[in-house]
PDB file of N, CA and C in Angstrom:
ATOM      1  N   MET A   1      17.011  -6.932  -8.227  1.00  0.00           N
ATOM      2  CA  MET A   1      15.730  -7.116  -8.046  1.00  0.00           C
ATOM      3  C   MET A   1      14.684  -6.662  -7.832  1.00  0.00           C
ATOM      4  N   ALA A   2      13.333  -6.680  -8.146  1.00  0.00           N
ATOM      5  CA  ALA A   2      12.375  -6.108  -8.333  1.00  0.00           C
ATOM      6  C   ALA A   2      11.817  -6.025  -7.106  1.00  0.00           C
ATOM      7  N   LYS A   3      10.979  -5.400  -6.790  1.00  0.00           N
ATOM      8  CA  LYS A   3      10.291  -5.763  -5.314  1.00  0.00           C
ATOM      9  C   LYS A   3       9.247  -5.669  -5.745  1.00  0.00           C
ATOM     10  N   MET A   4       8.257  -6.396  -4.929  1.00  0.00           N
ATOM     11  CA  MET A   4       6.760  -6.786  -5.125  1.00  0.00           C
ATOM     12  C   MET A   4       5.893  -5.645  -4.820  1.00  0.00           C
ATOM     13  N   LEU A   5       4.741  -5.266  -5.289  1.00  0.00           N
ATOM     14  CA  LEU A   5       4.161  -4.741  -4.936  1.00  0.00           C
ATOM     15  C   LEU A   5       2.301  -4.962  -4.553  1.00  0.00           C
ATOM     16  N   ALA A   6       1.843  -4.176  -3.761  1.00  0.00           N
ATOM     17  CA  ALA A   6       0.631  -4.681  -3.939  1.00  0.00           C
ATOM     18  C   ALA A   6      -0.179  -3.648  -3.236  1.00  0.00           C
ATOM     19  N   PHE A   7      -1.818  -3.929  -3.728  1.00  0.00           N
ATOM     20  CA  PHE A   7      -2.616  -2.785  -3.438  1.00  0.00           C
ATOM     21  C   PHE A   7      -3.311  -3.013  -2.243  1.00  0.00           C
ATOM     22  N   VAL A   8      -3.260  -2.298  -0.997  1.00  0.00           N
ATOM     23  CA  VAL A   8      -3.697  -2.492   0.118  1.00  0.00           C
ATOM     24  C   VAL A   8      -4.887  -1.148   0.206  1.00  0.00           C
ATOM     25  N   ASP A   9      -6.300  -1.888   0.276  1.00  0.00           N
ATOM     26  CA  ASP A   9      -7.490  -1.235   0.545  1.00  0.00           C
ATOM     27  C   ASP A   9      -8.067  -0.926   1.669  1.00  0.00           C
ATOM     28  N   ILE A  10      -8.038   0.502   2.784  1.00  0.00           N
ATOM     29  CA  ILE A  10      -8.307   0.072   3.865  1.00  0.00           C
ATOM     30  C   ILE A  10      -9.463   0.941   4.323  1.00  0.00           C
ATOM     31  N   PHE A  11     -10.052   0.635   5.366  1.00  0.00           N
ATOM     32  CA  PHE A  11     -11.510   0.693   5.846  1.00  0.00           C
ATOM     33  C   PHE A  11     -10.866   1.379   7.267  1.00  0.00           C
ATOM     34  N   VAL A  12     -11.556   2.803   7.194  1.00  0.00           N
ATOM     35  CA  VAL A  12     -11.120   3.732   8.391  1.00  0.00           C
ATOM     36  C   VAL A  12     -12.383   4.507   8.824  1.00  0.00           C
ATOM     37  N   ASP A  13     -12.210   4.047  10.799  1.00  0.00           N
ATOM     38  CA  ASP A  13     -13.143   4.872  11.460  1.00  0.00           C
ATOM     39  C   ASP A  13     -13.137   6.837  10.620  1.00  0.00           C
ATOM     40  N   SER A  14     -14.416   6.964  10.490  1.00  0.00           N
ATOM     41  CA  SER A  14     -14.239   8.139   9.757  1.00  0.00           C
ATOM     42  C   SER A  14     -13.815   9.368  10.574  1.00  0.00           C
ATOM     43  N   PRO A  15     -13.829   9.369  11.585  1.00  0.00           N
ATOM     44  CA  PRO A  15     -13.157  10.668  12.861  1.00  0.00           C
ATOM     45  C   PRO A  15     -11.809  10.696  12.715  1.00  0.00           C
ATOM     46  N   SER A  16     -11.238   9.291  12.323  1.00  0.00           N
ATOM     47  CA  SER A  16      -9.703   9.017  12.291  1.00  0.00           C
ATOM     48  C   SER A  16      -8.996   8.978  11.002  1.00  0.00           C
ATOM     49  N   MET A  17     -10.151   9.874   9.780  1.00  0.00           N
ATOM     50  CA  MET A  17      -9.411   9.600   8.349  1.00  0.00           C
ATOM     51  C   MET A  17      -7.995  10.726   8.546  1.00  0.00           C
ATOM     52  N   ASP A  18      -8.060  11.778   9.011  1.00  0.00           N
ATOM     53  CA  ASP A  18      -6.953  12.619   8.721  1.00  0.00           C
ATOM     54  C   ASP A  18      -5.655  11.921   9.467  1.00  0.00           C
ATOM     55  N   ASP A  19      -5.822  11.505  10.981  1.00  0.00           N
ATOM     56  CA  ASP A  19      -4.728  11.052  11.610  1.00  0.00           C
ATOM     57  C   ASP A  19      -4.031   9.587  10.801  1.00  0.00           C
ATOM     58  N   VAL A  20      -5.319   9.183  10.358  1.00  0.00           N
ATOM     59  CA  VAL A  20      -4.570   7.575   9.503  1.00  0.00           C
ATOM     60  C   VAL A  20      -3.939   8.308   8.182  1.00  0.00           C
ATOM     61  N   VAL A  21      -4.160   8.860   7.553  1.00  0.00           N
ATOM     62  CA  VAL A  21      -3.500   9.661   6.334  1.00  0.00           C
ATOM     63  C   VAL A  21      -2.184   9.901   7.011  1.00  0.00           C
ATOM     64  N   GLU A  22      -2.017  10.594   7.631  1.00  0.00           N
ATOM     65  CA  GLU A  22      -1.116  11.146   8.244  1.00  0.00           C
ATOM     66  C   GLU A  22       0.151   9.857   8.535  1.00  0.00           C
ATOM     67  N   ALA A  23      -0.405   9.050   9.648  1.00  0.00           N
ATOM     68  CA  ALA A  23       0.608   7.703  10.024  1.00  0.00           C
ATOM     69  C   ALA A  23       0.835   7.150   8.492  1.00  0.00           C
ATOM     70  N   LEU A  24      -0.242   6.762   7.778  1.00  0.00           N
ATOM     71  CA  LEU A  24       0.331   5.844   6.386  1.00  0.00           C
ATOM     72  C   LEU A  24       1.499   6.884   5.631  1.00  0.00           C
ATOM     73  N   SER A  25       1.303   7.974   5.767  1.00  0.00           N
ATOM     74  CA  SER A  25       2.164   8.942   4.534  1.00  0.00           C
ATOM     75  C   SER A  25       3.310   8.820   5.255  1.00  0.00           C
ATOM     76  N   ARG A  26       3.811   8.209   6.550  1.00  0.00           N
ATOM     77  CA  ARG A  26       5.286   8.287   7.345  1.00  0.00           C
ATOM     78  C   ARG A  26       5.614   6.913   6.968  1.00  0.00           C
ATOM     79  N   ILE A  27       4.841   5.945   6.201  1.00  0.00           N
ATOM     80  CA  ILE A  27       5.592   4.574   6.096  1.00  0.00           C
ATOM     81  C   ILE A  27       6.033   4.575   4.960  1.00  0.00           C
ATOM     82  N   PRO A  28       7.670   4.422   4.836  1.00  0.00           N
ATOM     83  CA  PRO A  28       8.665   4.715   3.531  1.00  0.00           C
ATOM     84  C   PRO A  28       7.720   3.839   2.214  1.00  0.00           C
ATOM     85  N   ASN A  29       7.633   2.444   2.734  1.00  0.00           N
ATOM     86  CA  ASN A  29       7.463   1.318   1.905  1.00  0.00           C
ATOM     87  C   ASN A  29       5.735   1.696   0.877  1.00  0.00           C
ATOM     88  N   ILE A  30       4.955   2.702   1.621  1.00  0.00           N
ATOM     89  CA  ILE A  30       3.713   3.071   0.952  1.00  0.00           C
ATOM     90  C   ILE A  30       4.025   3.953  -0.179  1.00  0.00           C
ATOM     91  N   GLU A  31       3.914   3.505  -1.685  1.00  0.00           N
ATOM     92  CA  GLU A  31       4.462   3.975  -2.681  1.00  0.00           C
ATOM     93  C   GLU A  31       3.347   5.147  -3.045  1.00  0.00           C
ATOM     94  N   GLU A  32       1.958   4.795  -2.954  1.00  0.00           N
ATOM     95  CA  GLU A  32       1.234   5.858  -3.346  1.00  0.00           C
ATOM     96  C   GLU A  32       0.146   5.489  -2.222  1.00  0.00           C
ATOM     97  N   LEU A  33      -0.847   6.755  -2.360  1.00  0.00           N
ATOM     98  CA  LEU A  33      -2.006   7.124  -0.869  1.00  0.00           C
ATOM     99  C   LEU A  33      -2.872   7.995  -1.197  1.00  0.00           C
ATOM    100  N   TYR A  34      -4.155   7.267  -1.525  1.00  0.00           N
ATOM    101  CA  TYR A  34      -5.518   7.604  -2.401  1.00  0.00           C
ATOM    102  C   TYR A  34      -6.501   7.655  -0.997  1.00  0.00           C
ATOM    103  N   GLU A  35      -7.167   8.630  -1.026  1.00  0.00           N
ATOM    104  CA  GLU A  35      -8.384   8.857  -0.286  1.00  0.00           C
ATOM    105  C   GLU A  35      -9.509   8.694  -1.191  1.00  0.00           C
ATOM    106  N   VAL A  36     -10.314   7.667  -1.068  1.00  0.00           N
ATOM    107  CA  VAL A  36     -11.310   7.630  -2.501  1.00  0.00           C
ATOM    108  C   VAL A  36     -12.705   7.345  -2.082  1.00  0.00           C
ATOM    109  N   THR A  37     -13.639   7.191  -2.922  1.00  0.00           N
ATOM    110  CA  THR A  37     -15.023   6.959  -3.065  1.00  0.00           C
ATOM    111  C   THR A  37     -15.243   5.860  -3.039  1.00  0.00           C
ATOM    112  N   GLY A  38     -16.208   5.354  -2.405  1.00  0.00           N
ATOM    113  CA  GLY A  38     -16.810   3.784  -2.878  1.00  0.00           C
ATOM    114  C   GLY A  38     -16.295   2.661  -1.711  1.00  0.00           C
ATOM    115  N   GLU A  39     -16.329   1.918  -1.974  1.00  0.00           N
ATOM    116  CA  GLU A  39     -16.147   0.487  -1.049  1.00  0.00           C
ATOM    117  C   GLU A  39     -14.971   1.044   0.132  1.00  0.00           C
ATOM    118  N   PHE A  40     -14.091   1.297  -0.430  1.00  0.00           N
ATOM    119  CA  PHE A  40     -12.820   1.591   0.914  1.00  0.00           C
ATOM    120  C   PHE A  40     -12.889   2.797   1.102  1.00  0.00           C
ATOM    121  N   ASP A  41     -12.051   3.293   1.865  1.00  0.00           N
ATOM    122  CA  ASP A  41     -11.743   4.358   2.543  1.00  0.00           C
ATOM    123  C   ASP A  41     -10.166   5.135   1.900  1.00  0.00           C
ATOM    124  N   ILE A  42      -9.486   4.425   1.943  1.00  0.00           N
ATOM    125  CA  ILE A  42      -8.093   4.761   1.488  1.00  0.00           C
ATOM    126  C   ILE A  42      -7.684   3.423   0.565  1.00  0.00           C
ATOM    127  N   VAL A  43      -6.874   3.629  -0.451  1.00  0.00           N
ATOM    128  CA  VAL A  43      -6.152   2.944  -1.603  1.00  0.00           C
ATOM    129  C   VAL A  43      -4.744   3.234  -1.345  1.00  0.00           C
ATOM    130  N   THR A  44      -3.951   2.151  -0.876  1.00  0.00           N
ATOM    131  CA  THR A  44      -2.771   2.267  -1.053  1.00  0.00           C
ATOM    132  C   THR A  44      -1.791   1.399  -2.052  1.00  0.00           C
ATOM    133  N   LEU A  45      -0.609   1.655  -2.413  1.00  0.00           N
ATOM    134  CA  LEU A  45       0.428   0.930  -3.366  1.00  0.00           C
ATOM    135  C   LEU A  45       1.675   0.491  -2.249  1.00  0.00           C
ATOM    136  N   VAL A  46       1.620  -0.702  -1.743  1.00  0.00           N
ATOM    137  CA  VAL A  46       3.125  -0.610  -1.320  1.00  0.00           C
ATOM    138  C   VAL A  46       3.678  -1.473  -1.497  1.00  0.00           C
ATOM    139  N   SER A  47       5.000  -1.599  -1.582  1.00  0.00           N
ATOM    140  CA  SER A  47       6.376  -2.228  -2.072  1.00  0.00           C
ATOM    141  C   SER A  47       6.785  -2.935  -1.095  1.00  0.00           C
ATOM    142  N   ALA A  48       7.626  -4.147  -1.204  1.00  0.00           N
ATOM    143  CA  ALA A  48       8.134  -4.758  -0.091  1.00  0.00           C
ATOM    144  C   ALA A  48       9.075  -5.747  -0.716  1.00  0.00           C
ATOM    145  N   ALA A  49      10.282  -6.061  -0.343  1.00  0.00           N
ATOM    146  CA  ALA A  49      11.275  -7.076  -0.960  1.00  0.00           C
ATOM    147  C   ALA A  49      10.316  -8.315  -1.015  1.00  0.00           C
ATOM    148  N   ASP A  50      10.030  -9.040  -0.559  1.00  0.00           N
ATOM    149  CA  ASP A  50       9.012 -10.317  -0.574  1.00  0.00           C
ATOM    150  C   ASP A  50       8.248 -10.176   0.507  1.00  0.00           C
ATOM    151  N   ILE A  51       7.168 -11.522   0.560  1.00  0.00           N
ATOM    152  CA  ILE A  51       6.231 -11.363   1.313  1.00  0.00           C
ATOM    153  C   ILE A  51       6.200 -11.055   2.556  1.00  0.00           C
ATOM    154  N   GLU A  52       7.362 -11.784   3.155  1.00  0.00           N
ATOM    155  CA  GLU A  52       7.463 -11.651   4.664  1.00  0.00           C
ATOM    156  C   GLU A  52       7.810 -10.482   4.918  1.00  0.00           C
ATOM    157  N   GLU A  53       8.418  -9.529   3.827  1.00  0.00           N
ATOM    158  CA  GLU A  53       8.535  -7.851   4.602  1.00  0.00           C
ATOM    159  C   GLU A  53       7.197  -7.467   4.392  1.00  0.00           C
ATOM    160  N   PHE A  54       6.280  -8.046   3.590  1.00  0.00           N
ATOM    161  CA  PHE A  54       5.182  -7.458   3.295  1.00  0.00           C
ATOM    162  C   PHE A  54       4.125  -7.638   4.273  1.00  0.00           C
ATOM    163  N   ARG A  55       4.328  -8.838   4.711  1.00  0.00           N
ATOM    164  CA  ARG A  55       3.428  -9.565   6.046  1.00  0.00           C
ATOM    165  C   ARG A  55       3.773  -8.477   7.359  1.00  0.00           C
ATOM    166  N   ASP A  56       5.066  -7.837   7.196  1.00  0.00           N
ATOM    167  CA  ASP A  56       5.437  -7.243   8.526  1.00  0.00           C
ATOM    168  C   ASP A  56       5.310  -6.098   8.228  1.00  0.00           C
ATOM    169  N   ILE A  57       5.127  -5.355   7.445  1.00  0.00           N
ATOM    170  CA  ILE A  57       4.673  -3.966   7.159  1.00  0.00           C
ATOM    171  C   ILE A  57       3.176  -3.853   7.110  1.00  0.00           C
ATOM    172  N   LEU A  58       2.338  -4.791   6.875  1.00  0.00           N
ATOM    173  CA  LEU A  58       0.961  -5.153   7.133  1.00  0.00           C
ATOM    174  C   LEU A  58       0.532  -5.135   8.535  1.00  0.00           C
ATOM    175  N   LYS A  59       1.339  -6.174   9.042  1.00  0.00           N
ATOM    176  CA  LYS A  59       1.091  -6.258  10.509  1.00  0.00           C
ATOM    177  C   LYS A  59       1.305  -5.306  11.638  1.00  0.00           C
ATOM    178  N   ASN A  60       2.456  -5.095  11.465  1.00  0.00           N
ATOM    179  CA  ASN A  60       3.264  -4.489  12.445  1.00  0.00           C
ATOM    180  C   ASN A  60       3.243  -3.046  12.189  1.00  0.00           C
ATOM    181  N   LYS A  61       2.998  -2.322  11.089  1.00  0.00           N
ATOM    182  CA  LYS A  61       2.993  -0.994  10.551  1.00  0.00           C
ATOM    183  C   LYS A  61       1.503  -0.521  10.649  1.00  0.00           C
ATOM    184  N   ILE A  62       0.771  -1.067   9.442  1.00  0.00           N
ATOM    185  CA  ILE A  62      -0.470  -0.601   9.082  1.00  0.00           C
ATOM    186  C   ILE A  62      -1.355  -0.900   9.534  1.00  0.00           C
ATOM    187  N   LEU A  63      -1.848  -1.999  10.371  1.00  0.00           N
ATOM    188  CA  LEU A  63      -2.981  -2.455  11.111  1.00  0.00           C
ATOM    189  C   LEU A  63      -2.499  -2.212  12.265  1.00  0.00           C
ATOM    190  N   LYS A  64      -1.398  -1.392  13.189  1.00  0.00           N
ATOM    191  CA  LYS A  64      -0.960  -0.887  13.905  1.00  0.00           C
ATOM    192  C   LYS A  64      -1.706   0.451  14.604  1.00  0.00           C
ATOM    193  N   ILE A  65      -2.149   1.044  13.488  1.00  0.00           N
ATOM    194  CA  ILE A  65      -2.411   2.731  13.329  1.00  0.00           C
ATOM    195  C   ILE A  65      -3.928   2.750  13.541  1.00  0.00           C
ATOM    196  N   LYS A  66      -4.030   3.421  14.623  1.00  0.00           N
ATOM    197  CA  LYS A  66      -5.288   3.733  15.661  1.00  0.00           C
ATOM    198  C   LYS A  66      -6.571   4.318  14.351  1.00  0.00           C
ATOM    199  N   GLY A  67      -7.613   3.842  14.626  1.00  0.00           N
ATOM    200  CA  GLY A  67      -8.497   4.296  13.542  1.00  0.00           C
ATOM    201  C   GLY A  67      -8.876   3.379  12.104  1.00  0.00           C
ATOM    202  N   ILE A  68      -7.678   2.462  11.799  1.00  0.00           N
ATOM    203  CA  ILE A  68      -7.520   1.531  10.688  1.00  0.00           C
ATOM    204  C   ILE A  68      -8.707   0.130  11.157  1.00  0.00           C
ATOM    205  N   LYS A  69      -9.689   0.055  10.612  1.00  0.00           N
ATOM    206  CA  LYS A  69     -10.639  -1.112  10.860  1.00  0.00           C
ATOM    207  C   LYS A  69     -10.283  -2.553  10.302  1.00  0.00           C
ATOM    208  N   SER A  70      -9.784  -2.269   9.223  1.00  0.00           N
ATOM    209  CA  SER A  70      -9.519  -3.789   8.180  1.00  0.00           C
ATOM    210  C   SER A  70      -8.920  -3.055   6.988  1.00  0.00           C
ATOM    211  N   THR A  71      -8.247  -4.218   6.686  1.00  0.00           N
ATOM    212  CA  THR A  71      -7.348  -4.068   5.044  1.00  0.00           C
ATOM    213  C   THR A  71      -7.954  -5.404   4.310  1.00  0.00           C
ATOM    214  N   VAL A  72      -8.145  -4.948   2.902  1.00  0.00           N
ATOM    215  CA  VAL A  72      -7.828  -6.189   1.878  1.00  0.00           C
ATOM    216  C   VAL A  72      -7.130  -5.539   1.052  1.00  0.00           C
ATOM    217  N   SER A  73      -6.037  -7.027   0.566  1.00  0.00           N
ATOM    218  CA  SER A  73      -4.634  -6.862  -0.069  1.00  0.00           C
ATOM    219  C   SER A  73      -5.137  -7.620  -1.650  1.00  0.00           C
ATOM    220  N   ALA A  74      -4.445  -6.530  -2.625  1.00  0.00           N
ATOM    221  CA  ALA A  74      -4.142  -7.673  -3.851  1.00  0.00           C
ATOM    222  C   ALA A  74      -2.803  -7.538  -4.433  1.00  0.00           C
ATOM    223  N   MET A  75      -2.075  -8.554  -4.444  1.00  0.00           N
ATOM    224  CA  MET A  75      -0.651  -8.531  -5.013  1.00  0.00           C
ATOM    225  C   MET A  75      -0.745  -8.360  -6.328  1.00  0.00           C
ATOM    226  N   VAL A  76       0.036  -7.293  -6.775  1.00  0.00           N
ATOM    227  CA  VAL A  76       0.626  -6.969  -8.385  1.00  0.00           C
ATOM    228  C   VAL A  76       1.068  -8.260  -8.870  1.00  0.00           C
ATOM    229  N   LEU A  77       0.540  -8.699  -9.884  1.00  0.00           N
ATOM    230  CA  LEU A  77       1.229 -10.173 -10.760  1.00  0.00           C
ATOM    231  C   LEU A  77       1.991  -9.741 -11.915  1.00  0.00           C
ATOM    232  N   HIS A  78       1.517  -8.489 -12.263  1.00  0.00           N
ATOM    233  CA  HIS A  78       1.838  -8.344 -13.765  1.00  0.00           C
ATOM    234  C   HIS A  78       1.535  -6.707 -13.942  1.00  0.00           C
ATOM    235  N   THR A  79       2.406  -5.946 -14.377  1.00  0.00           N
ATOM    236  CA  THR A  79       1.856  -4.633 -14.742  1.00  0.00           C
ATOM    237  C   THR A  79       2.137  -4.626 -16.615  1.00  0.00           C
ATOM    238  N   HIS A  80       0.908  -3.770 -16.985  1.00  0.00           N
ATOM    239  CA  HIS A  80       0.809  -3.891 -18.246  1.00  0.00           C
ATOM    240  C   HIS A  80       0.908  -2.421 -18.648  1.00  0.00           C
ATOM    241  N   LYS A  81       0.594  -1.400 -17.857  1.00  0.00           N
ATOM    242  CA  LYS A  81       0.686  -0.114 -18.198  1.00  0.00           C
ATOM    243  C   LYS A  81       0.379   0.532 -16.984  1.00  0.00           C
ATOM    244  N   GLY A  82       1.357   2.088 -16.907  1.00  0.00           N
ATOM    245  CA  GLY A  82       1.615   2.686 -15.414  1.00  0.00           C
ATOM    246  C   GLY A  82       2.836   3.314 -15.452  1.00  0.00           C
ATOM    247  N   PRO A  83       2.757   4.105 -14.044  1.00  0.00           N
ATOM    248  CA  PRO A  83       4.309   4.800 -14.319  1.00  0.00           C
ATOM    249  C   PRO A  83       5.496   4.169 -13.837  1.00  0.00           C
ATOM    250  N   ARG A  84       4.835   2.665 -13.264  1.00  0.00           N
ATOM    251  CA  ARG A  84       5.917   1.664 -12.838  1.00  0.00           C
ATOM    252  C   ARG A  84       6.342   0.654 -13.753  1.00  0.00           C
ATOM    253  N   PHE A  85       5.956   0.882 -15.265  1.00  0.00           N
ATOM    254  CA  PHE A  85       6.178  -0.217 -16.248  1.00  0.00           C
ATOM    255  C   PHE A  85       7.363   0.362 -16.984  1.00  0.00           C
ATOM    256  N   ASN A  86       8.092  -0.564 -17.015  1.00  0.00           N
ATOM    257  CA  ASN A  86       9.400  -0.030 -18.040  1.00  0.00           C
ATOM    258  C   ASN A  86       9.543  -1.157 -19.034  1.00  0.00           C
ATOM    259  N   GLY A  87       8.646  -1.665 -19.678  1.00  0.00           N
ATOM    260  CA  GLY A  87       8.797  -2.593 -21.001  1.00  0.00           C
ATOM    261  C   GLY A  87       8.815  -4.026 -20.452  1.00  0.00           C
ATOM    262  N   ASP A  88       9.302  -4.404 -19.676  1.00  0.00           N
ATOM    263  CA  ASP A  88       9.567  -6.036 -19.313  1.00  0.00           C
ATOM    264  C   ASP A  88       8.310  -6.265 -18.243  1.00  0.00           C
ATOM    265  N   SER A  89       8.028  -7.297 -17.773  1.00  0.00           N
ATOM    266  CA  SER A  89       7.096  -8.055 -16.893  1.00  0.00           C
ATOM    267  C   SER A  89       7.732  -7.530 -15.247  1.00  0.00           C
ATOM    268  N   LYS A  90       8.741  -6.771 -15.028  1.00  0.00           N
ATOM    269  CA  LYS A  90       9.122  -6.244 -13.784  1.00  0.00           C
ATOM    270  C   LYS A  90       8.474  -4.908 -13.513  1.00  0.00           C
ATOM    271  N   PRO A  91       7.783  -4.757 -12.089  1.00  0.00           N
ATOM    272  CA  PRO A  91       7.966  -3.190 -12.111  1.00  0.00           C
ATOM    273  C   PRO A  91       8.783  -2.620 -11.719  1.00  0.00           C
ATOM    274  N   ARG A  92       8.904  -1.341 -12.052  1.00  0.00           N
ATOM    275  CA  ARG A  92       9.850  -0.248 -11.578  1.00  0.00           C
ATOM    276  C   ARG A  92       9.144   0.553  -9.920  1.00  0.00           C
ATOM    277  N   VAL A  93      10.200   0.604  -9.319  1.00  0.00           N
ATOM    278  CA  VAL A  93       9.960   0.634  -7.656  1.00  0.00           C
ATOM    279  C   VAL A  93      10.918   1.676  -7.378  1.00  0.00           C
ATOM    280  N   SER A  94      10.434   3.064  -6.579  1.00  0.00           N
ATOM    281  CA  SER A  94      11.373   4.030  -6.378  1.00  0.00           C
ATOM    282  C   SER A  94      12.089   3.837  -5.570  1.00  0.00           C
ATOM    283  N   GLY A  95      13.781   3.909  -5.402  1.00  0.00           N
ATOM    284  CA  GLY A  95      14.603   3.520  -4.562  1.00  0.00           C
ATOM    285  C   GLY A  95      14.448   4.041  -3.582  1.00  0.00           C
ATOM    286  N   ARG A  96      14.907   3.257  -2.088  1.00  0.00           N
ATOM    287  CA  ARG A  96      15.059   3.535  -0.724  1.00  0.00           C
ATOM    288  C   ARG A  96      16.729   3.863  -0.413  1.00  0.00           C
TER     289      ARG A  96
END
């Protein structure tokens, strides 16, 4: 069964950026992690088995990291192109 994917955009207290990136990189469900310019400070791609697991990752792992101010999430509905696209409507997610 394919896992769900969500982009989680993260606002960070600037002095905490390096510590936040380090802590996020240790969360196995974070498939991709980018420090970016623009409205957000960090953009991540998070995989989860279902919405309950995603909620747990967001609430009990990501939002507990010191230096994270807030997040904005967007669930992936369909992949049209990208490294996880395998030709059908299901995203390809690296195994655990």
